[in-house]
Every structure is written in structure tokens, then in C-alpha cells.
C-alpha atoms as a PDB file:
ATOM      1  CA  UNK A   1      -0.816  23.983   8.740  1.00  0.00           C
ATOM      2  CA  UNK A   2      -4.047  23.994   7.986  1.00  0.00           C
ATOM      3  CA  UNK A   3      -4.911  19.876   8.603  1.00  0.00           C
ATOM      4  CA  UNK A   4      -8.852  19.688   8.206  1.00  0.00           C
ATOM      5  CA  UNK A   5      -9.154  19.299   4.822  1.00  0.00           C
ATOM      6  CA  UNK A   6      -6.874  15.866   5.271  1.00  0.00           C
ATOM      7  CA  UNK A   7      -8.317  14.755   7.887  1.00  0.00           C
ATOM      8  CA  UNK A   8     -11.424  14.754   6.100  1.00  0.00           C
ATOM      9  CA  UNK A   9     -10.071  13.146   3.367  1.00  0.00           C
ATOM     10  CA  UNK A  10      -8.357  10.433   5.325  1.00  0.00           C
ATOM     11  CA  UNK A  11     -11.481   9.667   7.156  1.00  0.00           C
ATOM     12  CA  UNK A  12     -13.792   9.651   3.365  1.00  0.00           C
ATOM     13  CA  UNK A  13     -10.755   7.059   2.136  1.00  0.00           C
ATOM     14  CA  UNK A  14     -11.151   4.771   4.955  1.00  0.00           C
ATOM     15  CA  UNK A  15     -14.914   4.446   4.731  1.00  0.00           C
ATOM     16  CA  UNK A  16     -14.290   4.093   1.096  1.00  0.00           C
ATOM     17  CA  UNK A  17     -11.704   1.532   1.471  1.00  0.00           C
ATOM     18  CA  UNK A  18     -14.033  -0.220   3.723  1.00  0.00           C
ATOM     19  CA  UNK A  19     -16.806  -0.520   2.151  1.00  0.00           C
ATOM     20  CA  UNK A  20     -14.952  -1.563  -1.510  1.00  0.00           C
ATOM     21  CA  UNK A  21     -13.070  -4.567   0.720  1.00  0.00           C
ATOM     22  CA  UNK A  22     -16.304  -5.610   2.496  1.00  0.00           C
ATOM     23  CA  UNK A  23     -17.951  -5.902  -1.243  1.00  0.00           C
ATOM     24  CA  UNK A  24     -14.766  -7.962  -2.541  1.00  0.00           C
ATOM     25  CA  UNK A  25     -14.829 -10.036   0.673  1.00  0.00           C
ATOM     26  CA  UNK A  26     -18.436 -10.693  -0.001  1.00  0.00           C
ATOM     27  CA  UNK A  27     -17.395 -11.422  -3.524  1.00  0.00           C
ATOM     28  CA  UNK A  28     -14.487 -13.913  -2.704  1.00  0.00           C
ATOM     29  CA  UNK A  29     -15.747 -15.985  -0.436  1.00  0.00           C
ATOM     30  CA  UNK A  30     -19.118 -16.754  -2.177  1.00  0.00           C
ATOM     31  CA  UNK A  31     -19.620 -20.251  -2.582  1.00  0.00           C
ATOM     32  CA  UNK A  32     -18.011 -21.036  -6.388  1.00  0.00           C
ATOM     33  CA  UNK A  33     -16.289 -17.658  -6.725  1.00  0.00           C
ATOM     34  CA  UNK A  34     -13.412 -17.742  -9.123  1.00  0.00           C
ATOM     35  CA  UNK A  35     -11.415 -16.906  -6.152  1.00  0.00           C
ATOM     36  CA  UNK A  36     -11.996 -19.876  -4.369  1.00  0.00           C
ATOM     37  CA  UNK A  37     -10.690 -21.756  -7.589  1.00  0.00           C
ATOM     38  CA  UNK A  38      -7.640 -19.486  -8.507  1.00  0.00           C
ATOM     39  CA  UNK A  39      -5.976 -19.094  -5.178  1.00  0.00           C
ATOM     40  CA  UNK A  40      -7.543 -21.472  -2.825  1.00  0.00           C
ATOM     41  CA  UNK A  41      -4.599 -20.993  -0.684  1.00  0.00           C
ATOM     42  CA  UNK A  42      -5.349 -17.245   0.320  1.00  0.00           C
ATOM     43  CA  UNK A  43      -8.848 -18.405   0.703  1.00  0.00           C
ATOM     44  CA  UNK A  44      -8.302 -20.402   3.410  1.00  0.00           C
ATOM     45  CA  UNK A  45      -5.628 -18.020   4.966  1.00  0.00           C
ATOM     46  CA  UNK A  46      -8.323 -15.632   4.706  1.00  0.00           C
ATOM     47  CA  UNK A  47     -11.346 -17.706   6.112  1.00  0.00           C
ATOM     48  CA  UNK A  48      -8.551 -18.481   8.862  1.00  0.00           C
ATOM     49  CA  UNK A  49      -8.127 -14.768   9.883  1.00  0.00           C
ATOM     50  CA  UNK A  50     -11.616 -14.724   9.699  1.00  0.00           C
ATOM     51  CA  UNK A  51     -11.923 -17.290  11.971  1.00  0.00           C
ATOM     52  CA  UNK A  52      -9.811 -15.673  14.426  1.00  0.00           C
ATOM     53  CA  UNK A  53     -10.337 -12.250  14.286  1.00  0.00           C
ATOM     54  CA  UNK A  54     -13.631 -10.624  13.846  1.00  0.00           C
ATOM     55  CA  UNK A  55     -14.833  -9.625  10.536  1.00  0.00           C
ATOM     56  CA  UNK A  56     -14.571  -5.917  10.867  1.00  0.00           C
ATOM     57  CA  UNK A  57     -11.415  -5.858  12.338  1.00  0.00           C
ATOM     58  CA  UNK A  58     -10.173  -8.384   9.216  1.00  0.00           C
ATOM     59  CA  UNK A  59     -11.921  -5.367   6.900  1.00  0.00           C
ATOM     60  CA  UNK A  60     -10.269  -2.686   8.698  1.00  0.00           C
ATOM     61  CA  UNK A  61      -6.465  -4.240   8.930  1.00  0.00           C
ATOM     62  CA  UNK A  62      -7.228  -4.690   4.839  1.00  0.00           C
ATOM     63  CA  UNK A  63      -8.178  -1.061   4.175  1.00  0.00           C
ATOM     64  CA  UNK A  64      -5.348   0.434   6.757  1.00  0.00           C
ATOM     65  CA  UNK A  65      -2.660  -2.021   4.486  1.00  0.00           C
ATOM     66  CA  UNK A  66      -3.810  -0.438   1.094  1.00  0.00           C
ATOM     67  CA  UNK A  67      -4.363   3.072   2.235  1.00  0.00           C
ATOM     68  CA  UNK A  68      -0.768   3.117   3.112  1.00  0.00           C
ATOM     69  CA  UNK A  69       0.111   1.471   0.082  1.00  0.00           C
ATOM     70  CA  UNK A  70      -1.427   4.139  -2.020  1.00  0.00           C
ATOM     71  CA  UNK A  71      -0.065   6.866  -0.124  1.00  0.00           C
ATOM     72  CA  UNK A  72       3.588   5.341  -0.459  1.00  0.00           C
ATOM     73  CA  UNK A  73       2.584   5.004  -4.166  1.00  0.00           C
ATOM     74  CA  UNK A  74       1.524   8.518  -4.050  1.00  0.00           C
ATOM     75  CA  UNK A  75       4.827   9.723  -2.726  1.00  0.00           C
ATOM     76  CA  UNK A  76       7.041   7.600  -5.016  1.00  0.00           C
ATOM     77  CA  UNK A  77       4.873   9.287  -8.194  1.00  0.00           C
ATOM     78  CA  UNK A  78       5.109  12.719  -6.843  1.00  0.00           C
ATOM     79  CA  UNK A  79       9.268  12.520  -6.121  1.00  0.00           C
ATOM     80  CA  UNK A  80       9.360  10.827  -9.669  1.00  0.00           C
ATOM     81  CA  UNK A  81      10.820   7.578  -7.978  1.00  0.00           C
ATOM     82  CA  UNK A  82       8.771   5.683 -10.551  1.00  0.00           C
ATOM     83  CA  UNK A  83       8.869   5.822 -14.840  1.00  0.00           C
ATOM     84  CA  UNK A  84       5.412   6.632 -15.140  1.00  0.00           C
ATOM     85  CA  UNK A  85       2.705   7.720 -12.059  1.00  0.00           C
ATOM     86  CA  UNK A  86       1.229   4.519 -10.634  1.00  0.00           C
ATOM     87  CA  UNK A  87      -1.714   6.259  -9.286  1.00  0.00           C
ATOM     88  CA  UNK A  88      -1.233   9.566 -10.529  1.00  0.00           C
ATOM     89  CA  UNK A  89      -2.529  11.044 -13.897  1.00  0.00           C
ATOM     90  CA  UNK A  90      -0.465  12.415 -16.200  1.00  0.00           C
ATOM     91  CA  UNK A  91      -0.880  15.985 -16.338  1.00  0.00           C
ATOM     92  CA  UNK A  92      -4.523  17.188 -17.850  1.00  0.00           C
ATOM     93  CA  UNK A  93      -5.735  13.722 -17.288  1.00  0.00           C
ATOM     94  CA  UNK A  94      -7.882  12.100 -14.575  1.00  0.00           C
ATOM     95  CA  UNK A  95      -7.070   8.283 -14.667  1.00  0.00           C
ATOM     96  CA  UNK A  96      -3.683   6.847 -13.460  1.00  0.00           C
ATOM     97  CA  UNK A  97      -0.798   7.138 -16.118  1.00  0.00           C
ATOM     98  CA  UNK A  98       0.121   3.441 -16.013  1.00  0.00           C
ATOM     99  CA  UNK A  99      -3.692   2.812 -16.541  1.00  0.00           C
ATOM    100  CA  UNK A 100      -4.241   5.178 -19.881  1.00  0.00           C
ATOM    101  CA  UNK A 101      -0.960   3.435 -20.898  1.00  0.00           C
ATOM    102  CA  UNK A 102      -2.084   0.463 -20.741  1.00  0.00           C
ATOM    103  CA  UNK A 103      -5.010   1.493 -22.534  1.00  0.00           C
ATOM    104  CA  UNK A 104      -2.776   2.037 -25.468  1.00  0.00           C
ATOM    105  CA  UNK A 105      -1.036  -0.849 -25.149  1.00  0.00           C
ATOM    106  CA  UNK A 106       1.929   0.379 -23.454  1.00  0.00           C
ATOM    107  CA  UNK A 107       3.150  -2.168 -20.634  1.00  0.00           C
ATOM    108  CA  UNK A 108       7.060  -2.341 -19.641  1.00  0.00           C
ATOM    109  CA  UNK A 109       8.173  -5.697 -20.361  1.00  0.00           C
ATOM    110  CA  UNK A 110      11.237  -5.451 -17.758  1.00  0.00           C
ATOM    111  CA  UNK A 111       8.734  -4.873 -15.036  1.00  0.00           C
ATOM    112  CA  UNK A 112       5.211  -6.717 -15.892  1.00  0.00           C
ATOM    113  CA  UNK A 113       5.733 -10.432 -16.576  1.00  0.00           C
ATOM    114  CA  UNK A 114       3.918 -11.666 -19.653  1.00  0.00           C
ATOM    115  CA  UNK A 115       1.484 -13.910 -17.731  1.00  0.00           C
ATOM    116  CA  UNK A 116       0.177 -10.477 -15.967  1.00  0.00           C
ATOM    117  CA  UNK A 117       0.519  -8.692 -19.124  1.00  0.00           C
ATOM    118  CA  UNK A 118      -1.810 -11.072 -20.935  1.00  0.00           C
ATOM    119  CA  UNK A 119      -4.340 -10.931 -18.560  1.00  0.00           C
ATOM    120  CA  UNK A 120      -4.141  -7.134 -18.545  1.00  0.00           C
ATOM    121  CA  UNK A 121      -4.632  -7.175 -22.377  1.00  0.00           C
ATOM    122  CA  UNK A 122      -7.341  -9.537 -22.240  1.00  0.00           C
ATOM    123  CA  UNK A 123      -9.271  -6.985 -19.444  1.00  0.00           C
ATOM    124  CA  UNK A 124      -8.624  -4.150 -21.633  1.00  0.00           C
ATOM    125  CA  UNK A 125     -10.210  -5.888 -24.508  1.00  0.00           C
ATOM    126  CA  UNK A 126     -13.046  -7.554 -22.654  1.00  0.00           C
ATOM    127  CA  UNK A 127     -16.468  -5.626 -24.085  1.00  0.00           C
ATOM    128  CA  UNK A 128     -17.877  -4.533 -20.776  1.00  0.00           C
ATOM    129  CA  UNK A 129     -21.393  -2.726 -20.359  1.00  0.00           C
ATOM    130  CA  UNK A 130     -19.967  -0.375 -17.765  1.00  0.00           C
ATOM    131  CA  UNK A 131     -16.981   1.481 -18.315  1.00  0.00           C
ATOM    132  CA  UNK A 132     -15.704   2.045 -15.031  1.00  0.00           C
ATOM    133  CA  UNK A 133     -15.392  -2.454 -14.773  1.00  0.00           C
ATOM    134  CA  UNK A 134     -13.278  -2.664 -16.971  1.00  0.00           C
ATOM    135  CA  UNK A 135     -11.039   0.082 -15.725  1.00  0.00           C
ATOM    136  CA  UNK A 136     -11.353  -1.538 -12.061  1.00  0.00           C
ATOM    137  CA  UNK A 137     -10.513  -5.385 -13.593  1.00  0.00           C
ATOM    138  CA  UNK A 138      -7.314  -3.486 -15.592  1.00  0.00           C
ATOM    139  CA  UNK A 139      -6.608  -1.716 -12.515  1.00  0.00           C
ATOM    140  CA  UNK A 140      -6.707  -4.865 -10.766  1.00  0.00           C
ATOM    141  CA  UNK A 141      -4.495  -6.549 -12.817  1.00  0.00           C
ATOM    142  CA  UNK A 142      -2.294  -3.835 -12.589  1.00  0.00           C
ATOM    143  CA  UNK A 143      -2.378  -3.715  -8.958  1.00  0.00           C
ATOM    144  CA  UNK A 144      -1.655  -7.684  -8.892  1.00  0.00           C
ATOM    145  CA  UNK A 145       1.493  -6.619 -11.262  1.00  0.00           C
ATOM    146  CA  UNK A 146       2.876  -3.925  -8.839  1.00  0.00           C
ATOM    147  CA  UNK A 147       2.392  -6.029  -5.592  1.00  0.00           C
ATOM    148  CA  UNK A 148       4.693  -8.892  -7.565  1.00  0.00           C
ATOM    149  CA  UNK A 149       7.291  -6.412  -9.180  1.00  0.00           C
ATOM    150  CA  UNK A 150       7.682  -4.317  -5.880  1.00  0.00           C
ATOM    151  CA  UNK A 151       7.602  -7.076  -3.870  1.00  0.00           C
ATOM    152  CA  UNK A 152      10.209  -9.110  -5.490  1.00  0.00           C
ATOM    153  CA  UNK A 153      12.421  -6.595  -5.910  1.00  0.00           C
ATOM    154  CA  UNK A 154      12.521  -5.255  -2.648  1.00  0.00           C
ATOM    155  CA  UNK A 155      13.215  -9.048  -1.471  1.00  0.00           C
ATOM    156  CA  UNK A 156      15.702  -9.470  -3.917  1.00  0.00           C
ATOM    157  CA  UNK A 157      17.154  -6.088  -2.987  1.00  0.00           C
ATOM    158  CA  UNK A 158      16.916  -4.451  -6.471  1.00  0.00           C
ATOM    159  CA  UNK A 159      16.834  -1.009  -7.122  1.00  0.00           C
ATOM    160  CA  UNK A 160      14.195   0.955  -9.326  1.00  0.00           C
ATOM    161  CA  UNK A 161      14.973   2.936 -12.451  1.00  0.00           C
ATOM    162  CA  UNK A 162      14.506   6.517 -11.114  1.00  0.00           C
ATOM    163  CA  UNK A 163      14.783   8.013 -14.668  1.00  0.00           C
ATOM    164  CA  UNK A 164      11.340   8.737 -15.288  1.00  0.00           C
ATOM    165  CA  UNK A 165      11.964   9.760 -18.839  1.00  0.00           C
ATOM    166  CA  UNK A 166      10.969   7.077 -21.431  1.00  0.00           C
END
């Protein structure tokens, strides 16, 4: 099997994730950032990690973790373990199926808590000057929902509905 393309993609994805995480890290650590107000414990833990380890190591670990998460989500999408494509677009589309559905107002009430659904709807309704920024905000909310749901389901030992048909 020819793996050169896969290797090239993995290197690109790693560099891209590192760049994005570095930018996000600078944003959340800025004095007066929303993250400092809304997630003070998380910021304190992050600052502790940065004090104990080199900044580059912390960013690398976060990038590695997210790369693995995206690979796992893609695997689940391809094998239809999820009812809707979490990171994969529907056939003929370009954005993740779950994001397209959210933009149409369809969010699974059983899987996504009300508070997070409201955050997603608020993000969709905000008039952003750049469309990608709106997508990023919605994706960020949805990733938070995915993290919350997946982690709580796995911790509780609950299964998922593997029936993709809606």
C-alpha cells in the first residue's frame, strides 16, 4: 500500500492543528479573555501545565489529542456508528453533516443538552462579517457538545444508537 499521501496529509494536519491551537492558546490566555471569565479552572490548569512543561510540548500534546479525536470521529462516521456525519459531509456536500443540520435547526434533543443547543442556535443567528467565523463558532459549540455527550456516555457505560436511519 502506498502511504506517501497519507504521511503527507498527517504532517500537514499536524502543522495545521499546531498553528490553530497556538492561536487559540494566545486568545484564551489573553488578559480579560472570555475564557478567563467563563472557565477559570480550566485556564488555571492550562497555566499550570505551561509552567510545568514547555509551551511547545503543551501545544503538541493538545494537537496530538485532537488529531486522534478527529480520526476516531471519522472512523465512526465511515463505519456508520453515528446517526449523522460528525466530521464527514453528506454525499455531495462540503461541510460536516452535523453542522449543515444544525444550520437548518435540526439538533438531536436526546444527545445535545438544551444549554448547548441554545448556544449553537445563538451562534448560527449571529451576523458575522466572515462566514467561516460563523462556521467556526458553531463547530466549536458542536465539538463541546460532542465532547460532553461522548465522555458522559462512555463514563456511564451507555451505548450509542448505531442505527443511522433518521
